[in-house]
C-alpha atoms as a PDB file:
ATOM      1  CA  MET A   1      37.634  -1.311 -26.913  1.00  0.00           C
ATOM      2  CA  ILE A   2      38.500  -2.055 -30.572  1.00  0.00           C
ATOM      3  CA  ARG A   3      41.477   0.071 -31.609  1.00  0.00           C
ATOM      4  CA  VAL A   4      41.338   1.051 -35.296  1.00  0.00           C
ATOM      5  CA  LEU A   5      43.961   2.422 -37.694  1.00  0.00           C
ATOM      6  CA  LEU A   6      42.610   4.215 -40.800  1.00  0.00           C
ATOM      7  CA  ALA A   7      44.470   4.422 -44.126  1.00  0.00           C
ATOM      8  CA  ASP A   8      43.330   6.442 -47.136  1.00  0.00           C
ATOM      9  CA  ASP A   9      45.102   9.057 -49.243  1.00  0.00           C
ATOM     10  CA  HIS A  10      42.097  11.393 -49.086  1.00  0.00           C
ATOM     11  CA  SER A  11      41.870  13.265 -45.785  1.00  0.00           C
ATOM     12  CA  LEU A  12      38.192  14.098 -46.373  1.00  0.00           C
ATOM     13  CA  PHE A  13      37.335  10.422 -46.610  1.00  0.00           C
ATOM     14  CA  ARG A  14      39.272   9.663 -43.431  1.00  0.00           C
ATOM     15  CA  ASP A  15      37.406  12.494 -41.726  1.00  0.00           C
ATOM     16  CA  GLY A  16      34.123  10.970 -42.880  1.00  0.00           C
ATOM     17  CA  LEU A  17      35.031   7.591 -41.396  1.00  0.00           C
ATOM     18  CA  LYS A  18      36.077   9.209 -38.133  1.00  0.00           C
ATOM     19  CA  ALA A  19      32.762  11.052 -38.000  1.00  0.00           C
ATOM     20  CA  LEU A  20      30.894   7.772 -38.547  1.00  0.00           C
ATOM     21  CA  LEU A  21      32.708   6.025 -35.711  1.00  0.00           C
ATOM     22  CA  ASP A  22      33.310   8.953 -33.371  1.00  0.00           C
ATOM     23  CA  ASN A  23      30.460   8.230 -30.935  1.00  0.00           C
ATOM     24  CA  GLU A  24      30.929   4.463 -30.768  1.00  0.00           C
ATOM     25  CA  SER A  25      31.878   3.525 -27.212  1.00  0.00           C
ATOM     26  CA  THR A  26      33.473   0.210 -28.292  1.00  0.00           C
ATOM     27  CA  ILE A  27      35.582   1.605 -31.162  1.00  0.00           C
ATOM     28  CA  LYS A  28      38.484   4.050 -31.002  1.00  0.00           C
ATOM     29  CA  ILE A  29      40.450   5.546 -33.908  1.00  0.00           C
ATOM     30  CA  ILE A  30      44.073   5.494 -32.746  1.00  0.00           C
ATOM     31  CA  GLY A  31      45.839   6.677 -35.906  1.00  0.00           C
ATOM     32  CA  GLU A  32      45.760   7.514 -39.605  1.00  0.00           C
ATOM     33  CA  ALA A  33      47.962   6.884 -42.633  1.00  0.00           C
ATOM     34  CA  GLU A  34      47.785   8.538 -46.045  1.00  0.00           C
ATOM     35  CA  ASP A  35      49.710   5.973 -48.100  1.00  0.00           C
ATOM     36  CA  GLY A  36      50.762   2.320 -48.053  1.00  0.00           C
ATOM     37  CA  ARG A  37      54.230   2.924 -46.694  1.00  0.00           C
ATOM     38  CA  GLY A  38      52.827   5.030 -43.868  1.00  0.00           C
ATOM     39  CA  LEU A  39      50.271   2.333 -43.118  1.00  0.00           C
ATOM     40  CA  VAL A  40      52.979  -0.282 -42.567  1.00  0.00           C
ATOM     41  CA  LYS A  41      54.954   2.041 -40.270  1.00  0.00           C
ATOM     42  CA  LYS A  42      51.896   3.168 -38.295  1.00  0.00           C
ATOM     43  CA  TYR A  43      50.732  -0.426 -37.870  1.00  0.00           C
ATOM     44  CA  PHE A  44      53.902  -1.488 -36.087  1.00  0.00           C
ATOM     45  CA  ASP A  45      54.127   1.793 -34.160  1.00  0.00           C
ATOM     46  CA  LEU A  46      50.541   1.629 -32.871  1.00  0.00           C
ATOM     47  CA  CYS A  47      49.652  -2.100 -32.973  1.00  0.00           C
ATOM     48  CA  PRO A  48      45.931  -1.618 -33.745  1.00  0.00           C
ATOM     49  CA  ASP A  49      43.308  -4.351 -33.426  1.00  0.00           C
ATOM     50  CA  ILE A  50      41.871  -3.553 -36.861  1.00  0.00           C
ATOM     51  CA  VAL A  51      43.113  -1.764 -39.971  1.00  0.00           C
ATOM     52  CA  ILE A  52      40.582  -0.119 -42.299  1.00  0.00           C
ATOM     53  CA  SER A  53      42.339   0.713 -45.543  1.00  0.00           C
ATOM     54  CA  ASP A  54      41.731   1.901 -49.071  1.00  0.00           C
ATOM     55  CA  ILE A  55      43.058  -0.413 -51.795  1.00  0.00           C
ATOM     56  CA  SER A  56      44.431   2.197 -54.193  1.00  0.00           C
ATOM     57  CA  MET A  57      47.064   4.320 -52.449  1.00  0.00           C
ATOM     58  CA  PRO A  58      50.461   5.786 -53.375  1.00  0.00           C
ATOM     59  CA  ASN A  59      53.782   4.414 -52.058  1.00  0.00           C
ATOM     60  CA  LYS A  60      52.466   0.839 -51.843  1.00  0.00           C
ATOM     61  CA  THR A  61      48.905  -0.141 -52.646  1.00  0.00           C
ATOM     62  CA  GLY A  62      46.685  -1.268 -49.811  1.00  0.00           C
ATOM     63  CA  THR A  63      47.203  -4.941 -50.676  1.00  0.00           C
ATOM     64  CA  GLU A  64      50.988  -4.492 -50.897  1.00  0.00           C
ATOM     65  CA  ALA A  65      50.937  -2.859 -47.463  1.00  0.00           C
ATOM     66  CA  ALA A  66      48.746  -5.665 -46.125  1.00  0.00           C
ATOM     67  CA  LYS A  67      51.203  -8.304 -47.351  1.00  0.00           C
ATOM     68  CA  ALA A  68      54.105  -6.420 -45.747  1.00  0.00           C
ATOM     69  CA  ILE A  69      52.220  -6.301 -42.450  1.00  0.00           C
ATOM     70  CA  LEU A  70      51.084  -9.927 -42.586  1.00  0.00           C
ATOM     71  CA  ASN A  71      54.603 -11.121 -43.374  1.00  0.00           C
ATOM     72  CA  LYS A  72      55.612  -9.897 -39.920  1.00  0.00           C
ATOM     73  CA  ASP A  73      52.324 -10.286 -38.060  1.00  0.00           C
ATOM     74  CA  LYS A  74      50.186 -13.162 -39.336  1.00  0.00           C
ATOM     75  CA  ASN A  75      47.438 -12.207 -36.870  1.00  0.00           C
ATOM     76  CA  ALA A  76      46.855  -8.739 -38.364  1.00  0.00           C
ATOM     77  CA  LYS A  77      43.205  -8.057 -39.168  1.00  0.00           C
ATOM     78  CA  ILE A  78      42.628  -5.832 -42.190  1.00  0.00           C
ATOM     79  CA  ILE A  79      39.419  -4.611 -43.825  1.00  0.00           C
ATOM     80  CA  PHE A  80      39.546  -2.949 -47.228  1.00  0.00           C
ATOM     81  CA  LEU A  81      37.246  -0.173 -48.362  1.00  0.00           C
ATOM     82  CA  SER A  82      36.836   0.198 -52.112  1.00  0.00           C
ATOM     83  CA  GLN A  83      34.542   1.569 -54.789  1.00  0.00           C
ATOM     84  CA  HIS A  84      34.879  -1.879 -56.373  1.00  0.00           C
ATOM     85  CA  THR A  85      33.565  -5.011 -54.679  1.00  0.00           C
ATOM     86  CA  GLU A  86      33.425  -7.359 -57.670  1.00  0.00           C
ATOM     87  CA  ASP A  87      34.568 -10.977 -57.385  1.00  0.00           C
ATOM     88  CA  ASN A  88      38.077 -10.285 -58.747  1.00  0.00           C
ATOM     89  CA  TYR A  89      38.597  -7.706 -55.971  1.00  0.00           C
ATOM     90  CA  ILE A  90      37.309 -10.153 -53.379  1.00  0.00           C
ATOM     91  CA  TYR A  91      39.775 -12.727 -54.728  1.00  0.00           C
ATOM     92  CA  GLU A  92      42.750 -10.343 -54.493  1.00  0.00           C
ATOM     93  CA  VAL A  93      41.822  -9.289 -50.963  1.00  0.00           C
ATOM     94  CA  LEU A  94      41.467 -12.914 -49.854  1.00  0.00           C
ATOM     95  CA  LYS A  95      44.767 -13.869 -51.491  1.00  0.00           C
ATOM     96  CA  CYS A  96      46.673 -11.124 -49.690  1.00  0.00           C
ATOM     97  CA  GLY A  97      45.346 -12.414 -46.359  1.00  0.00           C
ATOM     98  CA  ALA A  98      42.949  -9.607 -45.416  1.00  0.00           C
ATOM     99  CA  PHE A  99      39.728 -10.345 -43.546  1.00  0.00           C
ATOM    100  CA  GLY A 100      37.219  -8.137 -45.323  1.00  0.00           C
ATOM    101  CA  LEU A 101      36.098  -5.919 -48.179  1.00  0.00           C
ATOM    102  CA  VAL A 102      33.272  -3.391 -48.065  1.00  0.00           C
ATOM    103  CA  GLY A 103      32.113  -0.633 -50.386  1.00  0.00           C
ATOM    104  CA  LYS A 104      33.006   2.995 -49.797  1.00  0.00           C
ATOM    105  CA  ASN A 105      29.292   3.804 -49.734  1.00  0.00           C
ATOM    106  CA  ILE A 106      28.863   1.623 -46.653  1.00  0.00           C
ATOM    107  CA  VAL A 107      26.419   2.794 -43.982  1.00  0.00           C
ATOM    108  CA  LYS A 108      27.420   3.171 -40.347  1.00  0.00           C
ATOM    109  CA  ASN A 109      25.676   0.065 -38.987  1.00  0.00           C
ATOM    110  CA  GLU A 110      27.230  -2.218 -41.608  1.00  0.00           C
ATOM    111  CA  LEU A 111      30.701  -0.779 -41.010  1.00  0.00           C
ATOM    112  CA  ILE A 112      30.368  -1.469 -37.287  1.00  0.00           C
ATOM    113  CA  ILE A 113      29.204  -5.030 -38.017  1.00  0.00           C
ATOM    114  CA  ALA A 114      32.209  -5.490 -40.338  1.00  0.00           C
ATOM    115  CA  ILE A 115      34.637  -4.224 -37.671  1.00  0.00           C
ATOM    116  CA  GLU A 116      33.133  -6.388 -34.926  1.00  0.00           C
ATOM    117  CA  SER A 117      33.061  -9.490 -37.160  1.00  0.00           C
ATOM    118  CA  VAL A 118      36.694  -9.131 -38.228  1.00  0.00           C
ATOM    119  CA  TYR A 119      37.732  -8.370 -34.634  1.00  0.00           C
ATOM    120  CA  LYS A 120      36.282 -11.788 -33.718  1.00  0.00           C
ATOM    121  CA  GLY A 121      38.326 -13.417 -36.482  1.00  0.00           C
ATOM    122  CA  LYS A 122      35.525 -13.768 -39.032  1.00  0.00           C
ATOM    123  CA  HIS A 123      35.560 -12.737 -42.676  1.00  0.00           C
ATOM    124  CA  TYR A 124      33.279  -9.915 -43.785  1.00  0.00           C
ATOM    125  CA  PHE A 125      32.873  -9.460 -47.526  1.00  0.00           C
ATOM    126  CA  ILE A 126      29.721  -7.410 -48.170  1.00  0.00           C
ATOM    127  CA  GLY A 127      27.458 -10.192 -46.933  1.00  0.00           C
ATOM    128  CA  ARG A 128      29.177 -13.077 -48.784  1.00  0.00           C
ATOM    129  CA  THR A 129      29.085 -16.440 -47.017  1.00  0.00           C
ATOM    130  CA  GLU A 130      32.198 -18.532 -46.366  1.00  0.00           C
ATOM    131  CA  GLN A 131      30.948 -20.984 -49.001  1.00  0.00           C
ATOM    132  CA  GLU A 132      30.690 -18.188 -51.577  1.00  0.00           C
ATOM    133  CA  LEU A 133      34.194 -16.956 -50.701  1.00  0.00           C
ATOM    134  CA  LYS A 134      35.620 -20.467 -51.178  1.00  0.00           C
ATOM    135  CA  ALA A 135      33.870 -20.673 -54.563  1.00  0.00           C
ATOM    136  CA  ILE A 136      35.410 -17.343 -55.655  1.00  0.00           C
ATOM    137  CA  LEU A 137      38.878 -18.523 -54.582  1.00  0.00           C
ATOM    138  CA  SER A 138      38.461 -21.807 -56.455  1.00  0.00           C
ATOM    139  CA  ARG A 139      37.164 -20.146 -59.628  1.00  0.00           C
ATOM    140  CA  PHE A 140      39.918 -17.540 -59.846  1.00  0.00           C
ATOM    141  CA  ASN A 141      42.637 -20.019 -58.916  1.00  0.00           C
ATOM    142  CA  ASP A 142      41.523 -22.075 -61.912  1.00  0.00           C
ATOM    143  CA  ILE A 143      41.697 -18.982 -64.124  1.00  0.00           C
ATOM    144  CA  VAL A 144      45.189 -18.175 -62.876  1.00  0.00           C
ATOM    145  CA  GLU A 145      46.379 -21.725 -63.558  1.00  0.00           C
ATOM    146  CA  LYS A 146      44.987 -21.698 -67.106  1.00  0.00           C
ATOM    147  CA  ASN A 147      46.144 -18.112 -67.781  1.00  0.00           C
ATOM    148  CA  GLY A 148      46.540 -17.226 -71.460  1.00  0.00           C
ATOM    149  CA  ASP A 149      44.001 -15.764 -73.853  1.00  0.00           C
ATOM    150  CA  PHE A 150      40.996 -16.306 -71.599  1.00  0.00           C
ATOM    151  CA  ILE A 151      42.383 -13.806 -69.093  1.00  0.00           C
ATOM    152  CA  LEU A 152      43.393 -11.295 -71.752  1.00  0.00           C
ATOM    153  CA  ASP A 153      39.913 -11.445 -73.228  1.00  0.00           C
ATOM    154  CA  SER A 154      38.513 -10.503 -69.830  1.00  0.00           C
ATOM    155  CA  LEU A 155      40.346  -7.154 -69.856  1.00  0.00           C
ATOM    156  CA  THR A 156      38.440  -4.033 -70.834  1.00  0.00           C
ATOM    157  CA  GLU A 157      39.658  -1.857 -73.703  1.00  0.00           C
ATOM    158  CA  ARG A 158      41.181   0.620 -71.256  1.00  0.00           C
ATOM    159  CA  GLU A 159      42.859  -2.166 -69.246  1.00  0.00           C
ATOM    160  CA  ASN A 160      44.417  -3.474 -72.464  1.00  0.00           C
ATOM    161  CA  GLU A 161      45.725   0.037 -73.199  1.00  0.00           C
ATOM    162  CA  VAL A 162      47.280   0.189 -69.730  1.00  0.00           C
ATOM    163  CA  LEU A 163      48.844  -3.253 -70.168  1.00  0.00           C
ATOM    164  CA  ILE A 164      50.334  -2.282 -73.534  1.00  0.00           C
ATOM    165  CA  ALA A 165      51.772   0.932 -72.070  1.00  0.00           C
ATOM    166  CA  ILE A 166      53.334  -1.043 -69.201  1.00  0.00           C
ATOM    167  CA  GLY A 167      54.884  -3.380 -71.764  1.00  0.00           C
ATOM    168  CA  ASN A 168      56.413  -0.349 -73.488  1.00  0.00           C
ATOM    169  CA  GLY A 169      58.340   0.414 -70.315  1.00  0.00           C
ATOM    170  CA  PHE A 170      56.445   3.522 -69.193  1.00  0.00           C
ATOM    171  CA  ASP A 171      56.782   4.413 -65.529  1.00  0.00           C
ATOM    172  CA  ARG A 172      53.758   5.185 -63.347  1.00  0.00           C
ATOM    173  CA  ASP A 173      53.672   8.957 -63.912  1.00  0.00           C
ATOM    174  CA  LYS A 174      54.296   8.689 -67.655  1.00  0.00           C
ATOM    175  CA  LEU A 175      51.598   6.027 -67.919  1.00  0.00           C
ATOM    176  CA  ALA A 176      49.067   8.369 -66.330  1.00  0.00           C
ATOM    177  CA  ARG A 177      50.111  11.301 -68.552  1.00  0.00           C
ATOM    178  CA  THR A 178      50.070   9.198 -71.727  1.00  0.00           C
ATOM    179  CA  LEU A 179      46.606   7.804 -71.013  1.00  0.00           C
ATOM    180  CA  LYS A 180      45.369  11.194 -69.731  1.00  0.00           C
ATOM    181  CA  ILE A 181      44.126   9.784 -66.449  1.00  0.00           C
ATOM    182  CA  SER A 182      45.001  10.415 -62.820  1.00  0.00           C
ATOM    183  CA  VAL A 183      47.584   8.273 -61.049  1.00  0.00           C
ATOM    184  CA  ARG A 184      44.810   7.060 -58.727  1.00  0.00           C
ATOM    185  CA  THR A 185      42.692   5.908 -61.688  1.00  0.00           C
ATOM    186  CA  LEU A 186      45.761   4.238 -63.164  1.00  0.00           C
ATOM    187  CA  ASP A 187      46.338   2.353 -59.911  1.00  0.00           C
ATOM    188  CA  THR A 188      42.741   1.112 -60.048  1.00  0.00           C
ATOM    189  CA  HIS A 189      43.291  -0.203 -63.596  1.00  0.00           C
ATOM    190  CA  ARG A 190      46.588  -1.823 -62.579  1.00  0.00           C
ATOM    191  CA  PHE A 191      44.958  -3.521 -59.609  1.00  0.00           C
ATOM    192  CA  ARG A 192      42.134  -4.896 -61.756  1.00  0.00           C
ATOM    193  CA  ILE A 193      44.566  -6.141 -64.404  1.00  0.00           C
ATOM    194  CA  MET A 194      46.688  -7.871 -61.753  1.00  0.00           C
ATOM    195  CA  SER A 195      43.571  -9.522 -60.323  1.00  0.00           C
ATOM    196  CA  LYS A 196      42.466 -10.774 -63.737  1.00  0.00           C
ATOM    197  CA  ILE A 197      45.818 -12.082 -64.955  1.00  0.00           C
ATOM    198  CA  GLY A 198      46.645 -13.605 -61.598  1.00  0.00           C
ATOM    199  CA  VAL A 199      49.812 -11.764 -60.564  1.00  0.00           C
ATOM    200  CA  LYS A 200      50.394 -10.331 -57.112  1.00  0.00           C
ATOM    201  CA  LYS A 201      53.325  -7.931 -57.439  1.00  0.00           C
ATOM    202  CA  GLN A 202      54.214  -5.007 -59.686  1.00  0.00           C
ATOM    203  CA  PRO A 203      57.385  -6.673 -61.089  1.00  0.00           C
ATOM    204  CA  GLU A 204      55.276  -9.685 -62.107  1.00  0.00           C
ATOM    205  CA  LEU A 205      52.839  -7.379 -63.920  1.00  0.00           C
ATOM    206  CA  ILE A 206      55.706  -5.664 -65.767  1.00  0.00           C
ATOM    207  CA  LYS A 207      57.187  -9.032 -66.771  1.00  0.00           C
ATOM    208  CA  PHE A 208      53.793 -10.254 -67.988  1.00  0.00           C
ATOM    209  CA  ALA A 209      53.289  -7.076 -70.054  1.00  0.00           C
ATOM    210  CA  MET A 210      56.769  -7.206 -71.578  1.00  0.00           C
ATOM    211  CA  ASP A 211      56.486 -10.934 -72.370  1.00  0.00           C
ATOM    212  CA  LEU A 212      53.155 -10.239 -74.044  1.00  0.00           C
ATOM    213  CA  LYS A 213      54.693  -7.422 -76.099  1.00  0.00           C
ATOM    214  CA  LEU A 214      57.558  -9.701 -77.208  1.00  0.00           C
ATOM    215  CA  LYS A 215      55.097 -12.451 -78.143  1.00  0.00           C
ATOM    216  CA  LYS A 216      53.061 -10.047 -80.283  1.00  0.00           C
ATOM    217  CA  GLU A 217      56.189  -8.697 -81.976  1.00  0.00           C
ATOM    218  CA  ARG A 218      57.220 -12.239 -82.882  1.00  0.00           C
ATOM    219  CA  GLU A 219      53.768 -12.925 -84.293  1.00  0.00           C
ATOM    220  CA  LEU A 220      54.007  -9.770 -86.424  1.00  0.00           C
ATOM    221  CA  GLU A 221      57.422 -10.869 -87.722  1.00  0.00           C
ATOM    222  CA  LYS A 222      55.894 -14.150 -88.856  1.00  0.00           C
ATOM    223  CA  ILE A 223      53.162 -12.482 -90.927  1.00  0.00           C
ATOM    224  CA  LYS A 224      55.296  -9.627 -92.318  1.00  0.00           C
ATOM    225  CA  PRO A 225      56.542 -11.559 -95.441  1.00  0.00           C
ATOM    226  CA  PHE A 226      52.954 -12.186 -96.450  1.00  0.00           C
ATOM    227  CA  ASN A 227      52.174  -8.482 -96.187  1.00  0.00           C
ATOM    228  CA  GLU A 228      55.155  -7.577 -98.327  1.00  0.00           C
ATOM    229  CA  ASN A 229      54.125  -9.811-101.275  1.00  0.00           C
END
C-alpha cells in the first residue's frame, strides 16, 4: 500500500485528487495539508511514502516545503502538480530534490503511473527521459552561472513589473494589491522569476531585485547631466 499525503490550498482540488485515487487498492490518502507550513508538519506527523503537492501555496511555497522536508529526510519522495510544466519549472523542481512534476490536468492513469514510478525511486516528469532531465539541469545551470542581462531579457513584461515592485520593498500583500492580481498569481510570477534568475530563496530574490534597482539608479545618475544640458 502506497501511503500518500496531499497538499494544495484549494479544498476542491484536493477533493478531486481524492476522488481520482479513492478506488485504487494500492494507494491510500492518509492526510491533507492546505499550505506549505502544514505540509512540513503533516509529513513528519504521518510519514507518508509519497507527497503530492501544489507548487504555489501560502505559508511556504511547495518547493520551500520540499526543501524543509528533504533537509531532515533525504529519502522523502515528492511529486509536484502544477499548471506550468515548462523547462524552468522542471529545473526548479529537480534542484529542490523532488522526484516529479505533472500537470494539474493529468488523467487518472498517468497520475497512478507517476505515483508508482516515484515510489520505486524513479523520476517522473511528464514523460521526460533521464537524459532530457540532465540536459535541462545543465542548460539552466549554465544560465545561472552567466546570470546578467540574458536572464533579465527572459522575463515577461509582467515578471519585470513584479521584480521592480519587489525591489521597491513592497511586501507580498501590497505587491498583489499594487499589481491588481491575486496573491496566488503573484506567487506564480515570483516562482517563475526565481527559476529564471537562478535564486532559490525569497531573501535571495529580494536582494537581487534591490541590487538591480540600485544599479539602475546609478545608471540614471550617470546620464542625468546630459539630460540637464
